[in-house]
Protein backbone atom coordinates (compact mmCIF):
# COMPACT_ATOMS: atom_id res chain seq x y z
CA UNK A 1 -0.08 0.26 -0.14
CA UNK A 2 0.85 3.60 -0.73
CA UNK A 3 0.86 5.77 2.82
CA UNK A 4 -2.06 8.65 2.34
CA UNK A 5 0.12 11.40 4.11
CA UNK A 6 2.59 13.53 3.42
CA UNK A 7 5.83 12.24 4.09
CA UNK A 8 8.94 14.78 5.21
CA UNK A 9 12.44 14.49 6.16
CA UNK A 10 14.29 15.26 9.23
CA UNK A 11 18.18 15.41 9.14
CA UNK A 12 20.63 16.24 12.07
CA UNK A 13 23.31 16.34 9.69
CA UNK A 14 25.01 13.52 11.09
CA UNK A 15 28.51 13.10 11.28
CA UNK A 16 29.89 9.80 10.89
CA UNK A 17 33.25 8.32 12.08
CA UNK A 18 35.68 8.89 9.77
CA UNK A 19 34.24 12.27 8.43
CA UNK A 20 33.84 16.02 9.48
CA UNK A 21 31.02 18.23 9.43
CA UNK A 22 31.61 20.10 5.86
CA UNK A 23 30.78 16.71 4.16
CA UNK A 24 28.03 15.79 6.53
CA UNK A 25 26.57 19.28 5.20
CA UNK A 26 27.52 18.76 1.76
CA UNK A 27 25.45 15.61 2.11
CA UNK A 28 22.63 17.73 3.78
CA UNK A 29 22.09 19.34 0.58
CA UNK A 30 22.67 16.29 -1.24
CA UNK A 31 19.97 14.60 0.38
CA UNK A 32 17.85 17.82 0.09
CA UNK A 33 17.65 17.45 -3.75
CA UNK A 34 17.26 13.97 -3.72
CA UNK A 35 14.37 14.28 -1.53
CA UNK A 36 12.52 17.27 -3.48
CA UNK A 37 13.03 14.77 -6.55
CA UNK A 38 11.09 11.78 -4.85
CA UNK A 39 8.13 13.99 -3.52
CA UNK A 40 8.69 14.38 -0.03
CA UNK A 41 6.84 17.32 1.53
CA UNK A 42 9.55 19.30 3.73
CA UNK A 43 12.88 19.07 5.06
CA UNK A 44 13.88 19.73 8.61
CA UNK A 45 17.04 20.68 10.33
CA UNK A 46 17.05 20.32 14.27
CA UNK A 47 19.12 22.45 16.79
CA UNK A 48 21.51 20.38 18.94
CA UNK A 49 24.93 21.77 20.40
CA UNK A 50 28.19 20.17 22.17
CA UNK A 51 27.31 17.16 19.95
CA UNK A 52 30.42 15.36 18.46
CA UNK A 53 27.82 13.33 15.69
CA UNK A 54 25.47 16.66 14.86
CA UNK A 55 26.35 19.58 12.65
CA UNK A 56 22.96 21.14 12.41
CA UNK A 57 23.96 23.80 15.33
CA UNK A 58 23.75 26.63 13.59
CA UNK A 59 20.23 25.57 11.99
CA UNK A 60 19.40 28.86 10.25
CA UNK A 61 22.48 28.99 8.64
CA UNK A 62 22.12 25.48 7.31
CA UNK A 63 18.40 26.00 6.24
CA UNK A 64 19.75 28.65 3.80
CA UNK A 65 22.17 26.49 2.71
CA UNK A 66 19.34 23.83 1.65
CA UNK A 67 17.08 26.43 0.67
CA UNK A 68 19.39 27.87 -1.56
CA UNK A 69 20.14 24.85 -2.89
CA UNK A 70 16.40 23.43 -3.51
CA UNK A 71 13.58 25.08 -5.28
CA UNK A 72 10.48 23.73 -4.30
CA UNK A 73 10.49 21.22 -0.85
CA UNK A 74 9.42 23.59 2.55
CA UNK A 75 12.54 23.71 4.04
CA UNK A 76 12.41 24.33 7.87
CA UNK A 77 13.86 23.76 12.00
CA UNK A 78 12.53 21.10 13.48
CA UNK A 79 13.08 22.40 15.51
CA UNK A 80 14.61 25.96 17.10
CA UNK A 81 15.06 25.56 21.07
CA UNK A 82 13.79 28.56 21.68
CA UNK A 83 15.10 29.22 25.49
CA UNK A 84 18.25 29.67 23.60
CA UNK A 85 17.78 32.58 21.83
CA UNK A 86 15.99 35.92 22.18
CA UNK A 87 12.86 35.73 20.49
CA UNK A 88 13.83 39.25 18.32
CA UNK A 89 16.80 37.11 16.88
CA UNK A 90 14.94 34.00 15.78
CA UNK A 91 12.08 36.64 14.40
CA UNK A 92 15.25 38.18 12.44
CA UNK A 93 16.75 35.10 11.08
CA UNK A 94 13.73 33.48 10.07
CA UNK A 95 11.92 36.88 8.77
CA UNK A 96 15.63 36.66 6.75
CA UNK A 97 14.89 33.37 5.10
CA UNK A 98 11.40 33.79 4.11
CA UNK A 99 12.67 37.23 2.25
CA UNK A 100 14.94 35.12 0.45
CA UNK A 101 12.98 31.83 0.05
CA UNK A 102 8.89 33.47 -0.18
CA UNK A 103 6.44 30.75 0.78
CA UNK A 104 9.08 27.89 1.61
CA UNK A 105 10.29 28.17 5.07
CA UNK A 106 8.94 26.47 8.65
CA UNK A 107 9.64 27.29 12.31
CA UNK A 108 9.30 24.61 14.69
CA UNK A 109 9.93 25.57 18.34
CA UNK A 110 11.05 23.78 21.06
CA UNK A 111 11.94 24.28 24.60
CA UNK A 112 14.53 21.81 25.14
CA UNK A 113 18.23 23.17 25.39
CA UNK A 114 19.26 20.62 22.68
CA UNK A 115 21.86 20.13 24.88
CA UNK A 116 23.59 18.46 28.18
CA UNK A 117 23.23 21.17 31.49
CA UNK A 118 26.87 22.64 30.68
CA UNK A 119 26.35 23.91 26.98
CA UNK A 120 22.65 24.94 27.73
CA UNK A 121 24.67 27.46 30.29
CA UNK A 122 26.94 28.74 27.60
CA UNK A 123 23.92 29.09 25.10
CA UNK A 124 21.79 31.25 27.39
CA UNK A 125 21.21 34.88 26.49
CA UNK A 126 21.43 35.56 30.04
CA UNK A 127 21.53 33.61 33.34
CA UNK A 128 17.72 34.43 34.57
CA UNK A 129 16.55 32.45 31.13
CA UNK A 130 14.35 29.68 31.87
CA UNK A 131 12.53 26.99 29.84
CA UNK A 132 9.32 27.53 32.01
CA UNK A 133 9.18 30.68 30.00
CA UNK A 134 8.88 29.30 26.59
CA UNK A 135 4.76 29.70 26.38
CA UNK A 136 5.46 33.82 26.68
CA UNK A 137 8.86 33.36 24.45
CA UNK A 138 6.34 31.87 21.67
CA UNK A 139 4.00 34.89 21.94
CA UNK A 140 6.63 37.49 21.77
CA UNK A 141 7.98 35.99 18.78
CA UNK A 142 4.74 35.90 17.36
CA UNK A 143 4.17 39.76 17.85
CA UNK A 144 7.42 40.19 16.33
CA UNK A 145 6.40 38.54 13.05
CA UNK A 146 2.77 39.92 13.02
CA UNK A 147 1.83 42.65 10.34
CA UNK A 148 1.10 45.09 13.67
CA UNK A 149 3.45 44.62 16.76
CA UNK A 150 2.82 45.83 19.95
CA UNK A 151 6.43 45.89 20.84
CA UNK A 152 8.18 49.33 20.38
CA UNK A 153 11.36 47.20 18.71
CA UNK A 154 10.59 45.97 15.15
CA UNK A 155 12.27 43.08 13.67
CA UNK A 156 13.50 43.95 10.15
CA UNK A 157 13.21 41.47 8.26
CA UNK A 158 10.65 39.21 10.36
CA UNK A 159 7.72 41.80 10.73
CA UNK A 160 4.67 40.21 8.55
CA UNK A 161 6.56 37.56 7.57
CA UNK A 162 4.36 34.69 7.01
CA UNK A 163 6.50 31.66 8.52
CA UNK A 164 4.08 28.95 9.94
CA UNK A 165 5.07 28.37 13.32
CA UNK A 166 4.84 24.81 14.92
CA UNK A 167 5.48 23.64 18.67
CA UNK A 168 7.48 20.53 19.02
CA UNK A 169 7.43 17.96 22.07
CA UNK A 170 7.58 15.30 23.93
CA UNK A 171 4.91 15.51 26.42
CA UNK A 172 1.49 17.12 27.55
CA UNK A 173 3.48 20.04 27.74
CA UNK A 174 3.80 21.06 23.78
CA UNK A 175 -0.07 19.53 23.07
CA UNK A 176 -1.15 21.94 25.69
CA UNK A 177 0.55 24.74 24.28
CA UNK A 178 0.17 24.33 20.64
CA UNK A 179 -3.96 23.04 21.25
CA UNK A 180 -3.96 26.43 23.57
CA UNK A 181 -2.38 28.60 20.56
CA UNK A 182 -4.03 26.70 17.77
CA UNK A 183 -0.71 25.78 16.28
CA UNK A 184 0.19 22.55 14.34
CA UNK A 185 1.78 19.84 16.64
CA UNK A 186 4.78 17.78 15.75
CA UNK A 187 5.55 14.99 18.58
CA UNK A 188 9.27 13.61 18.83
CA UNK A 189 8.04 10.08 18.59
CA UNK A 190 11.02 9.10 17.01
CA UNK A 191 13.32 8.90 20.16
CA UNK A 192 10.53 9.54 22.74
CA UNK A 193 7.35 7.77 21.84
CA UNK A 194 6.33 6.96 25.71
CA UNK A 195 3.25 9.86 25.73
CA UNK A 196 2.84 9.65 22.44
CA UNK A 197 -1.05 8.97 21.89
CA UNK A 198 -1.68 10.60 25.42
CA UNK A 199 -0.31 13.96 23.88
CA UNK A 200 -1.79 13.45 20.91
CA UNK A 201 -4.85 13.04 21.93
CA UNK A 202 -5.08 15.67 24.45
CA UNK A 203 -3.73 18.26 21.35
CA UNK A 204 -6.67 17.04 19.16
CA UNK A 205 -9.46 17.24 21.75
CA UNK A 206 -8.34 20.79 23.08
CA UNK A 207 -7.43 22.60 20.02
CA UNK A 208 -8.94 25.97 19.39
CA UNK A 209 -8.43 27.58 15.95
CA UNK A 210 -6.22 30.41 14.86
CA UNK A 211 -5.60 32.76 12.65
CA UNK A 212 -2.82 30.23 11.40
CA UNK A 213 -4.63 26.77 11.67
CA UNK A 214 -8.33 26.13 11.53
CA UNK A 215 -8.23 22.80 12.78
CA UNK A 216 -5.90 20.40 14.47
CA UNK A 217 -2.76 18.93 12.47
CA UNK A 218 -0.37 16.29 13.79
CA UNK A 219 2.81 15.39 12.27
CA UNK A 220 4.73 12.43 14.01
CA UNK A 221 8.43 11.46 14.26
CA UNK A 222 9.17 8.32 12.62
CA UNK A 223 12.59 5.98 12.11
CA UNK A 224 13.05 4.49 8.92
CA UNK A 225 16.07 2.24 7.87
CA UNK A 226 14.98 0.51 4.44
CA UNK A 227 17.50 -1.30 2.37
CA UNK A 228 17.27 -4.41 -0.84
CA UNK A 229 16.54 -6.67 1.79
CA UNK A 230 15.65 -6.95 5.12
CA UNK A 231 19.04 -8.66 6.31
CA UNK A 232 20.70 -5.39 5.17
CA UNK A 233 18.16 -2.88 6.87
CA UNK A 234 18.93 -4.27 9.89
CA UNK A 235 22.59 -4.11 9.84
CA UNK A 236 22.50 -0.64 8.83
CA UNK A 237 20.32 0.23 11.84
CA UNK A 238 22.58 -0.71 13.89
CA UNK A 239 24.36 2.49 13.50
CA UNK A 240 21.83 4.69 15.41
CA UNK A 241 21.63 2.11 18.01
CA UNK A 242 24.97 2.51 18.83
CA UNK A 243 24.74 6.29 18.94
CA UNK A 244 21.65 5.77 21.27
CA UNK A 245 23.52 3.48 23.55
CA UNK A 246 26.09 5.78 23.55
CA UNK A 247 24.29 9.02 24.22
CA UNK A 248 22.58 7.51 26.85
CA UNK A 249 25.22 6.23 28.64
CA UNK A 250 27.00 9.48 28.80
CA UNK A 251 29.41 8.74 25.77
CA UNK A 252 28.30 11.10 22.66
CA UNK A 253 29.46 10.26 19.54
CA UNK A 254 29.82 10.54 15.84
CA UNK A 255 27.39 8.23 14.40
CA UNK A 256 29.28 4.69 14.22
CA UNK A 257 29.94 2.52 11.35
CA UNK A 258 27.17 -0.28 11.31
CA UNK A 259 28.06 -3.44 13.30
CA UNK A 260 26.55 -7.09 12.96
CA UNK A 261 24.68 -8.60 15.78
CA UNK A 262 25.06 -5.14 17.78
CA UNK A 263 22.05 -6.09 20.08
CA UNK A 264 23.90 -9.45 20.66
CA UNK A 265 26.42 -7.41 22.82
CA UNK A 266 24.08 -5.31 24.57
CA UNK A 267 22.63 -6.13 28.24
CA UNK A 268 18.81 -6.49 28.90
CA UNK A 269 18.56 -2.98 30.36
CA UNK A 270 19.86 -1.59 27.04
CA UNK A 271 18.19 -3.68 24.89
CA UNK A 272 14.72 -2.64 26.86
CA UNK A 273 15.90 1.11 26.42
CA UNK A 274 16.23 0.61 22.75
CA UNK A 275 13.17 -1.32 21.99
CA UNK A 276 11.53 1.49 24.16
CA UNK A 277 12.89 4.20 22.94
CA UNK A 278 13.08 3.02 18.75
CA UNK A 279 9.37 1.68 19.06
CA UNK A 280 8.39 3.72 16.30
CA UNK A 281 10.37 2.58 13.59
CA UNK A 282 10.14 0.65 10.40
CA UNK A 283 13.17 -1.46 9.42
CA UNK A 284 13.38 -3.61 6.27
CA UNK A 285 12.80 -3.86 2.70
CA UNK A 286 10.59 -2.13 0.36
CA UNK A 287 7.71 -4.54 1.36
CA UNK A 288 8.45 -4.72 4.74
CA UNK A 289 8.50 -0.99 5.36
CA UNK A 290 5.50 -0.33 3.07
CA UNK A 291 3.79 -2.58 5.70
CA UNK A 292 5.39 -0.78 8.82
CA UNK A 293 4.52 2.12 7.45
CA UNK A 294 0.74 1.47 6.75
CA UNK A 295 0.21 -0.30 10.26
CA UNK A 296 1.67 2.71 12.00
CA UNK A 297 -0.41 5.27 10.10
CA UNK A 298 -3.55 3.01 10.73
CA UNK A 299 -3.12 3.07 14.46
CA UNK A 300 -1.59 6.73 15.37
CA UNK A 301 -3.72 8.66 12.01
CA UNK A 302 -0.69 11.49 11.83
CA UNK A 303 -1.72 14.27 9.28
CA UNK A 304 2.34 13.70 8.43
CA UNK A 305 5.60 11.95 9.24
CA UNK A 306 8.61 13.36 9.60
CA UNK A 307 11.12 10.37 8.78
CA UNK A 308 14.98 10.40 9.97
CA UNK A 309 17.25 7.92 8.45
CA UNK A 310 20.56 7.83 10.97
CA UNK A 311 22.79 6.14 8.51
CA UNK A 312 26.32 6.06 8.56
CA UNK A 313 26.96 5.39 5.03
CA UNK A 314 25.60 8.74 2.79
CA UNK A 315 24.55 6.07 0.12
CA UNK A 316 23.16 3.58 2.01
CA UNK A 317 21.26 6.75 3.58
CA UNK A 318 20.18 8.07 0.45
CA UNK A 319 18.92 4.38 -0.98
CA UNK A 320 16.77 4.42 2.44
CA UNK A 321 14.96 8.11 1.39
CA UNK A 322 14.72 6.79 -2.43
CA UNK A 323 13.01 3.17 -1.34
CA UNK A 324 10.81 5.51 1.09
CA UNK A 325 10.13 8.09 -1.65
CA UNK A 326 9.11 4.88 -4.16
CA UNK A 327 6.61 3.56 -1.35
CA UNK A 328 5.32 7.02 -1.10
CA UNK A 329 4.68 7.62 -4.77
CA UNK A 330 3.26 4.03 -5.27
């Protein structure tokens, strides 16, 4: 079967072992260009800091790199961690992106630091910055980008920019805020699926229409490791499994090469963790991935899926998205 909803790409610009950030960012543009041809809806990049395996820290800069090398696919942030920044700065950055690439820019907003606490303290604009101020920061950002801001300071570019705002989350907090503000909601089920349906159901039940959005719109994160055979896909998936175990055990790393029988080297606790955090994942050949996608969509009813494929070899990553694009086109 063919998914009946749009599919999009989430890219962390992975820095693979044996590689460097420059190559990762060139690979990001290459994947975006292929994704545009293969029919994906949008291409999002995520803000992370202090991570040896992620090259998208300067997210707005990478968005400009991708948007400048493509022509039709929507490009955006999934997301900007707003407590790290002044809302005015983000309004100016994304107002500039919208001025350069009109009608193609998205702005997803999250309240996590996207880093460890030490790095977060180095990023914050002042020592009083607080993630609990996130709702107020969102409102301030909205005002800067409105046609008639109430604040005396103007965002130029930024004022009047028609950049769709999204709320990102992995708990009820984001669902509550997105529903209250009438914004689309993206849930991080690709690595934190535990509260997925609870958050989605709350968002849909409590959604208040806004000038941006008339009815609820849910995007779910999803991992895909597609290859020509089930066995190859399962092998490729071990790179992300290793990276996740390394991160959760305090040893963040570049994206490791795949390792045969990796799960067999882990204890029960690590295997249970991977089963939990990567439960929203399709792994296998075209037929296997199509069946798993259909089952996930039928059980969760999202309006859109945001797919990430953390694969060590860039050509294999392209092939994974090519197979997914083939499924998308039927």
